[in-house]
Amino acid sequence: MTAIGRTSTAPDVVDVVALGESMVTFLPSRPGRLADVPAFERAIGGAESNVACVLAAAGHSTRWVGRVGADGFGDHLVEAIGAYGVDVRAVRRDPARPTGIYFRTAGDRATDAHEVAYYRAGSAASAMSVDTMDLDAIRSGRFLHLSGITPALSADCLDLTRALTARRPGRPLVSFDVNHRPGLWRDAGHGHGPEVLLDLARGADLVFVGDDEARDAWGLGGPEAVRAALPEPELLVVKQGASGATAFHGTDATYVPALHVDVVAAVGAGDAFAAGFLSATLRGKPVRERLRHGHLMAAAALTVPGDLATPPARGHADRLAALEDTAWGRLRLGPGWTQDVRGADEEVRTP
């Protein structure tokens, strides 16, 4: 297996290719039930394209590969994602299937008051397959970033994900965010989600999984139990919510506590964390700093109302990631924190 962090010299190679469904998301104009919200603001959502957008905004070359309808919502997605600097030339348009959309309430996803209404059944993305997608474009990154959402969309999407995670000579490094969505798998009818996701994760080089996902899907308690069940990936990151995250690199385990954040909306943080970790990995940072960059990108997402946030400038993030443990523990980040108003050579001060 290629060592993580190695630079490819193949032509037209980008840092990260992200494959997956993106949807137009409608954000509520005010808190309350979907039945009571009078208006919504249009935005974009999609785990994999979120990662590509954050990485592009952070200065990396990225490509999003997906499938959208030949409709206005598809136009919007391609244009909006491309506006972040993401290469969208390999996105396929489907004249027979619509672009997926969804509506959500303003509440925290962890509460019973949170509602999401998906309109994605039969979407263009569900027709992604080995035959309908550009495999050369998909494999043209130093990393290929996938998630467990894609294989839940259809049997063809599952076959495609299996083909991309199969260990074979010359494949890019595969990053896989488990993203277990029980609701999607209940309606799928082409596999038992937890078993499928565990099998796919075993084929990846870098895996992200929340400890709550591992507990709910696989009955595993704690990072060490997750590592025992997933010894194959070179890097395994177990996200432990507001407490922190543990990364296993081979047999070595590194834990980094999360930051104190004044949360505006708890959406997009997992994707941002993956982007931060990938960014630091691509730059050859130590595992401890990779985790810190993950936490910093997550904090950027948590302090804005939508899925995507402007990331901190690279120098700003590097200075914060290099803080001593005591200073790191004192950091508290709120809305606007990514605006680094200090000069590039000024030291970071903590509260």
Protein backbone atom coordinates (compact mmCIF):
# COMPACT_ATOMS: atom_id res chain seq x y z
CA MET A 1 0.00 0.00 0.00
CA THR A 2 1.21 3.47 -0.86
CA ALA A 3 2.29 5.46 2.18
CA ILE A 4 -0.21 8.15 3.11
CA GLY A 5 1.05 11.56 2.16
CA ARG A 6 3.00 10.50 -0.93
CA THR A 7 2.69 12.85 -3.91
CA SER A 8 1.54 11.41 -7.23
CA THR A 9 3.12 12.63 -10.48
CA ALA A 10 0.39 11.30 -12.80
CA PRO A 11 -1.00 13.87 -15.30
CA ASP A 12 -4.10 15.84 -14.34
CA VAL A 13 -3.88 14.67 -10.76
CA VAL A 14 -5.59 16.75 -8.09
CA ASP A 15 -5.15 16.54 -4.35
CA VAL A 16 -8.60 15.10 -3.65
CA VAL A 17 -11.42 13.73 -5.77
CA ALA A 18 -14.76 13.49 -3.96
CA LEU A 19 -17.52 11.28 -5.33
CA GLY A 20 -21.08 11.44 -4.08
CA GLU A 21 -24.54 12.96 -4.22
CA SER A 22 -24.98 16.67 -3.75
CA MET A 23 -28.39 18.17 -3.20
CA VAL A 24 -29.95 21.59 -3.08
CA THR A 25 -30.84 22.25 0.54
CA PHE A 26 -33.43 24.72 1.76
CA LEU A 27 -32.61 26.39 5.07
CA PRO A 28 -35.46 27.80 7.19
CA SER A 29 -35.99 31.52 7.51
CA ARG A 30 -36.78 31.09 11.22
CA PRO A 31 -36.90 28.37 13.89
CA GLY A 32 -39.92 26.12 14.11
CA ARG A 33 -41.61 23.13 12.53
CA LEU A 34 -41.38 22.67 8.78
CA ALA A 35 -45.15 23.14 8.73
CA ASP A 36 -44.74 26.61 10.24
CA VAL A 37 -41.69 27.98 8.40
CA PRO A 38 -42.93 30.47 5.78
CA ALA A 39 -39.81 30.71 3.62
CA PHE A 40 -36.48 29.01 2.98
CA GLU A 41 -33.08 30.09 1.70
CA ARG A 42 -31.46 27.93 -0.96
CA ALA A 43 -28.03 26.44 -0.30
CA ILE A 44 -26.07 23.33 -1.23
CA GLY A 45 -25.45 20.16 0.73
CA GLY A 46 -23.67 16.87 0.27
CA ALA A 47 -21.08 15.20 2.46
CA GLU A 48 -18.51 14.57 -0.25
CA SER A 49 -18.88 17.86 -2.13
CA ASN A 50 -18.71 19.68 1.22
CA VAL A 51 -15.27 18.15 1.76
CA ALA A 52 -14.19 19.17 -1.74
CA CYS A 53 -15.42 22.74 -1.24
CA VAL A 54 -13.70 23.18 2.13
CA LEU A 55 -10.43 21.77 0.79
CA ALA A 56 -10.59 24.02 -2.28
CA ALA A 57 -11.24 27.05 -0.08
CA ALA A 58 -8.21 26.00 1.96
CA GLY A 59 -5.98 26.05 -1.12
CA HIS A 60 -6.05 22.45 -2.35
CA SER A 61 -6.88 21.22 -5.84
CA THR A 62 -10.10 19.22 -5.77
CA ARG A 63 -12.53 17.58 -8.14
CA TRP A 64 -16.13 16.68 -7.42
CA VAL A 65 -17.61 13.82 -9.42
CA GLY A 66 -21.34 13.25 -9.22
CA ARG A 67 -24.56 13.03 -11.18
CA VAL A 68 -27.29 15.68 -11.21
CA GLY A 69 -30.41 16.27 -13.21
CA ALA A 70 -30.53 18.35 -16.38
CA ASP A 71 -32.56 20.89 -14.44
CA GLY A 72 -32.19 24.23 -12.74
CA PHE A 73 -31.24 22.69 -9.41
CA GLY A 74 -28.49 20.73 -11.16
CA ASP A 75 -27.27 23.95 -12.76
CA HIS A 76 -27.17 25.60 -9.35
CA LEU A 77 -25.20 22.79 -7.75
CA VAL A 78 -22.58 22.67 -10.48
CA GLU A 79 -22.19 26.45 -10.48
CA ALA A 80 -22.13 26.82 -6.69
CA ILE A 81 -19.63 24.02 -6.10
CA GLY A 82 -17.49 25.23 -8.98
CA ALA A 83 -17.48 28.72 -7.45
CA TYR A 84 -15.47 27.34 -4.52
CA GLY A 85 -12.70 26.44 -6.98
CA VAL A 86 -13.69 22.78 -7.28
CA ASP A 87 -13.25 21.13 -10.70
CA VAL A 88 -16.75 20.04 -11.76
CA ARG A 89 -16.04 19.03 -15.35
CA ALA A 90 -16.60 15.32 -14.65
CA VAL A 91 -20.11 15.85 -13.24
CA ARG A 92 -22.66 13.99 -15.38
CA ARG A 93 -26.11 15.40 -16.22
CA ASP A 94 -29.11 13.07 -16.34
CA PRO A 95 -32.02 14.17 -18.55
CA ALA A 96 -34.38 11.54 -17.13
CA ARG A 97 -33.82 11.92 -13.37
CA PRO A 98 -34.10 14.98 -11.09
CA THR A 99 -31.55 16.58 -8.81
CA GLY A 100 -32.17 15.67 -5.17
CA ILE A 101 -33.38 18.37 -2.77
CA TYR A 102 -34.13 18.54 0.95
CA PHE A 103 -35.60 20.87 3.55
CA ARG A 104 -34.56 21.07 7.18
CA THR A 105 -35.45 22.92 10.35
CA ALA A 106 -33.07 25.17 12.23
CA GLY A 107 -32.84 22.96 15.32
CA ASP A 108 -29.88 20.84 16.34
CA ARG A 109 -29.89 17.45 14.62
CA ALA A 110 -29.45 15.77 17.98
CA THR A 111 -32.87 16.90 19.25
CA ASP A 112 -36.31 15.44 18.59
CA ALA A 113 -37.44 18.81 17.26
CA HIS A 114 -35.14 18.56 14.25
CA GLU A 115 -36.89 17.71 10.99
CA VAL A 116 -35.47 16.88 7.57
CA ALA A 117 -37.60 16.22 4.49
CA TYR A 118 -35.66 14.52 1.69
CA TYR A 119 -36.79 14.41 -1.94
CA ARG A 120 -34.05 12.22 -3.37
CA ALA A 121 -35.73 8.92 -4.33
CA GLY A 122 -34.95 8.19 -7.97
CA SER A 123 -32.52 11.10 -8.15
CA ALA A 124 -29.84 11.42 -10.80
CA ALA A 125 -27.22 10.49 -8.21
CA SER A 126 -28.90 7.16 -7.53
CA ALA A 127 -28.01 6.19 -11.13
CA MET A 128 -24.27 6.46 -10.48
CA SER A 129 -22.63 3.21 -11.52
CA VAL A 130 -19.45 1.75 -12.93
CA ASP A 131 -20.95 2.21 -16.40
CA THR A 132 -22.36 5.73 -16.04
CA MET A 133 -19.41 7.48 -14.37
CA ASP A 134 -15.96 8.56 -15.57
CA LEU A 135 -13.70 6.16 -13.68
CA ASP A 136 -10.52 7.86 -14.89
CA ALA A 137 -11.68 11.16 -13.41
CA ILE A 138 -12.74 9.44 -10.20
CA ARG A 139 -9.29 7.88 -9.80
CA SER A 140 -7.36 11.05 -10.66
CA GLY A 141 -6.64 12.26 -7.13
CA ARG A 142 -3.95 11.64 -4.57
CA PHE A 143 -6.95 10.82 -2.38
CA LEU A 144 -10.39 9.61 -3.40
CA HIS A 145 -12.89 10.65 -0.76
CA LEU A 146 -16.06 8.56 -0.39
CA SER A 147 -18.78 8.17 2.20
CA GLY A 148 -21.24 5.54 3.33
CA ILE A 149 -24.12 7.61 1.97
CA THR A 150 -23.38 6.72 -1.66
CA PRO A 151 -23.71 2.91 -1.35
CA ALA A 152 -27.08 3.36 0.35
CA LEU A 153 -28.57 5.18 -2.66
CA SER A 154 -28.95 2.17 -4.96
CA ALA A 155 -27.53 -1.26 -5.80
CA ASP A 156 -25.55 0.34 -8.66
CA CYS A 157 -24.10 2.92 -6.27
CA LEU A 158 -23.08 0.12 -3.92
CA ASP A 159 -21.38 -1.77 -6.75
CA LEU A 160 -19.53 1.41 -7.75
CA THR A 161 -18.34 2.02 -4.18
CA ARG A 162 -17.19 -1.58 -3.87
CA ALA A 163 -15.21 -1.26 -7.10
CA LEU A 164 -13.54 1.93 -5.86
CA THR A 165 -12.63 0.56 -2.42
CA ALA A 166 -11.29 -2.75 -3.76
CA ARG A 167 -7.58 -2.95 -3.11
CA ARG A 168 -5.85 -2.94 -6.47
CA PRO A 169 -2.48 -1.77 -7.83
CA GLY A 170 -2.33 1.88 -8.80
CA ARG A 171 -5.51 3.04 -7.11
CA PRO A 172 -5.49 6.37 -5.28
CA LEU A 173 -5.48 6.45 -1.52
CA VAL A 174 -9.07 6.00 -0.39
CA SER A 175 -10.59 8.14 2.36
CA PHE A 176 -13.92 6.80 3.63
CA ASP A 177 -16.30 8.57 6.01
CA VAL A 178 -18.69 5.92 7.36
CA ASN A 179 -21.67 8.31 7.58
CA HIS A 180 -24.11 5.65 8.68
CA ARG A 181 -27.63 6.82 7.82
CA PRO A 182 -30.07 4.17 9.10
CA GLY A 183 -33.04 5.79 7.36
CA LEU A 184 -31.42 5.44 3.95
CA TRP A 185 -30.56 1.80 4.53
CA ARG A 186 -34.04 0.95 5.80
CA ASP A 187 -35.43 1.98 2.43
CA ALA A 188 -32.55 0.63 0.34
CA GLY A 189 -33.37 -3.06 -0.01
CA HIS A 190 -29.94 -3.98 -1.37
CA GLY A 191 -27.93 -4.76 1.73
CA HIS A 192 -27.67 -4.53 5.51
CA GLY A 193 -26.12 -1.13 6.11
CA PRO A 194 -23.83 -1.88 9.07
CA GLU A 195 -22.32 -4.96 7.44
CA VAL A 196 -21.86 -3.21 4.09
CA LEU A 197 -20.20 -0.18 5.68
CA LEU A 198 -17.82 -2.27 7.77
CA ASP A 199 -16.76 -4.19 4.66
CA LEU A 200 -16.23 -1.00 2.65
CA ALA A 201 -14.27 0.64 5.47
CA ARG A 202 -11.89 -2.32 5.54
CA GLY A 203 -10.89 -1.50 1.97
CA ALA A 204 -9.99 2.14 2.70
CA ASP A 205 -6.64 3.66 3.66
CA LEU A 206 -8.13 6.39 5.88
CA VAL A 207 -11.45 5.95 7.70
CA PHE A 208 -13.52 8.47 9.66
CA VAL A 209 -16.23 7.21 11.99
CA GLY A 210 -18.09 8.67 14.95
CA ASP A 211 -18.06 6.64 18.15
CA ASP A 212 -21.86 6.98 18.22
CA GLU A 213 -22.06 5.51 14.70
CA ALA A 214 -19.79 2.64 15.67
CA ARG A 215 -21.91 1.93 18.72
CA ASP A 216 -25.24 2.11 16.89
CA ALA A 217 -24.16 0.26 13.75
CA TRP A 218 -21.70 -2.28 15.07
CA GLY A 219 -22.26 -2.39 18.83
CA LEU A 220 -18.70 -1.21 19.49
CA GLY A 221 -17.85 0.83 22.56
CA GLY A 222 -14.80 3.09 22.51
CA PRO A 223 -12.02 3.86 20.01
CA GLU A 224 -9.96 0.76 20.87
CA ALA A 225 -12.89 -1.52 20.08
CA VAL A 226 -13.39 0.24 16.75
CA ARG A 227 -9.71 -0.23 15.91
CA ALA A 228 -9.93 -3.92 16.80
CA ALA A 229 -12.82 -4.30 14.37
CA LEU A 230 -11.05 -2.22 11.70
CA PRO A 231 -7.35 -3.13 11.70
CA GLU A 232 -6.93 -2.81 7.92
CA PRO A 233 -6.92 1.00 7.32
CA GLU A 234 -3.53 2.61 7.77
CA LEU A 235 -5.27 5.53 9.48
CA LEU A 236 -8.47 5.31 11.49
CA VAL A 237 -10.04 8.40 13.06
CA VAL A 238 -12.71 7.89 15.71
CA LYS A 239 -14.62 11.11 16.38
CA GLN A 240 -15.82 11.36 19.97
CA GLY A 241 -18.21 14.29 19.70
CA ALA A 242 -17.57 17.33 21.85
CA SER A 243 -14.83 15.57 23.82
CA GLY A 244 -12.35 15.10 20.96
CA ALA A 245 -11.05 12.51 18.50
CA THR A 246 -8.61 9.61 18.48
CA ALA A 247 -6.48 8.68 15.48
CA PHE A 248 -4.87 5.28 15.07
CA HIS A 249 -1.83 5.20 12.79
CA GLY A 250 -0.80 1.58 12.66
CA THR A 251 -0.67 0.57 16.31
CA ASP A 252 -0.11 4.11 17.62
CA ALA A 253 -3.08 6.00 19.11
CA THR A 254 -3.25 9.80 19.38
CA TYR A 255 -6.04 11.64 21.18
CA VAL A 256 -6.68 15.37 20.80
CA PRO A 257 -9.46 17.13 22.73
CA ALA A 258 -12.00 19.19 20.82
CA LEU A 259 -12.17 22.95 21.07
CA HIS A 260 -14.63 25.02 23.08
CA VAL A 261 -16.98 26.39 20.44
CA ASP A 262 -19.96 28.76 20.60
CA VAL A 263 -22.15 26.68 18.30
CA VAL A 264 -24.44 28.42 15.81
CA ALA A 265 -25.59 25.27 13.99
CA ALA A 266 -24.43 21.69 14.36
CA VAL A 267 -24.38 20.87 10.65
CA GLY A 268 -21.45 20.22 8.35
CA ALA A 269 -18.98 19.74 11.19
CA GLY A 270 -18.15 16.13 10.35
CA ASP A 271 -17.40 16.96 6.72
CA ALA A 272 -15.31 19.94 7.76
CA PHE A 273 -13.37 17.79 10.24
CA ALA A 274 -12.57 15.30 7.46
CA ALA A 275 -11.44 18.15 5.21
CA GLY A 276 -9.16 19.58 7.90
CA PHE A 277 -7.61 16.20 8.63
CA LEU A 278 -7.12 15.51 4.92
CA SER A 279 -5.58 18.94 4.36
CA ALA A 280 -3.00 18.39 7.07
CA THR A 281 -2.36 14.85 5.81
CA LEU A 282 -1.71 16.11 2.30
CA ARG A 283 0.80 18.56 3.77
CA GLY A 284 2.61 15.83 5.73
CA LYS A 285 1.70 17.14 9.19
CA PRO A 286 2.08 14.89 12.27
CA VAL A 287 -1.03 12.99 13.31
CA ARG A 288 -1.58 15.22 16.34
CA GLU A 289 -1.70 18.32 14.13
CA ARG A 290 -3.94 16.56 11.61
CA LEU A 291 -6.48 16.05 14.38
CA ARG A 292 -6.15 19.67 15.46
CA HIS A 293 -6.74 20.88 11.90
CA GLY A 294 -9.81 18.66 11.84
CA HIS A 295 -11.11 20.29 15.01
CA LEU A 296 -10.37 23.78 13.65
CA MET A 297 -12.25 23.15 10.39
CA ALA A 298 -15.15 21.67 12.37
CA ALA A 299 -15.19 24.79 14.56
CA ALA A 300 -15.46 26.94 11.44
CA ALA A 301 -18.54 24.96 10.34
CA LEU A 302 -20.11 25.02 13.79
CA THR A 303 -19.97 28.81 13.99
CA VAL A 304 -22.03 29.48 10.83
CA PRO A 305 -25.69 28.58 10.10
CA GLY A 306 -25.10 26.51 6.94
CA ASP A 307 -23.08 23.42 5.98
CA LEU A 308 -20.14 25.36 4.56
CA ALA A 309 -17.95 27.97 6.21
CA THR A 310 -14.98 30.02 5.12
CA PRO A 311 -12.00 28.16 6.59
CA PRO A 312 -9.28 29.95 8.50
CA ALA A 313 -6.29 31.05 6.46
CA ARG A 314 -3.66 28.33 6.34
CA GLY A 315 -1.14 30.31 8.39
CA HIS A 316 -3.76 31.13 11.01
CA ALA A 317 -4.76 27.46 11.30
CA ASP A 318 -1.14 26.33 11.44
CA ARG A 319 -0.39 28.71 14.31
CA LEU A 320 -3.39 27.50 16.29
CA ALA A 321 -2.61 23.84 15.57
CA ALA A 322 0.93 24.36 16.88
CA LEU A 323 -0.15 25.76 20.27
CA GLU A 324 0.98 24.06 23.46
CA ASP A 325 -1.63 21.81 25.05
CA THR A 326 -2.55 24.31 27.77
CA ALA A 327 -3.08 27.13 25.26
CA TRP A 328 -5.07 24.80 22.98
CA GLY A 329 -7.32 23.90 25.90
CA ARG A 330 -7.99 27.59 26.63
CA LEU A 331 -9.14 28.43 23.12
CA ARG A 332 -12.80 29.35 22.73
CA LEU A 333 -14.03 30.05 19.23
CA GLY A 334 -17.20 31.86 18.21
CA PRO A 335 -18.74 33.37 15.06
CA GLY A 336 -16.18 35.23 12.97
CA TRP A 337 -13.15 33.56 14.52
CA THR A 338 -11.76 32.50 11.13
CA GLN A 339 -11.17 36.16 10.27
CA ASP A 340 -7.52 36.42 11.28
CA VAL A 341 -7.09 40.15 11.77
CA ARG A 342 -3.56 39.86 13.13
CA GLY A 343 -0.52 40.24 10.96
CA ALA A 344 0.94 37.04 9.56
CA ASP A 345 3.87 37.11 11.99
CA GLU A 346 1.95 37.94 15.16
CA GLU A 347 1.59 35.23 17.74
CA VAL A 348 -1.79 33.77 18.56
CA ARG A 349 -3.24 34.87 21.90
CA THR A 350 -5.77 32.79 23.75
CA PRO A 351 -8.40 33.98 26.20
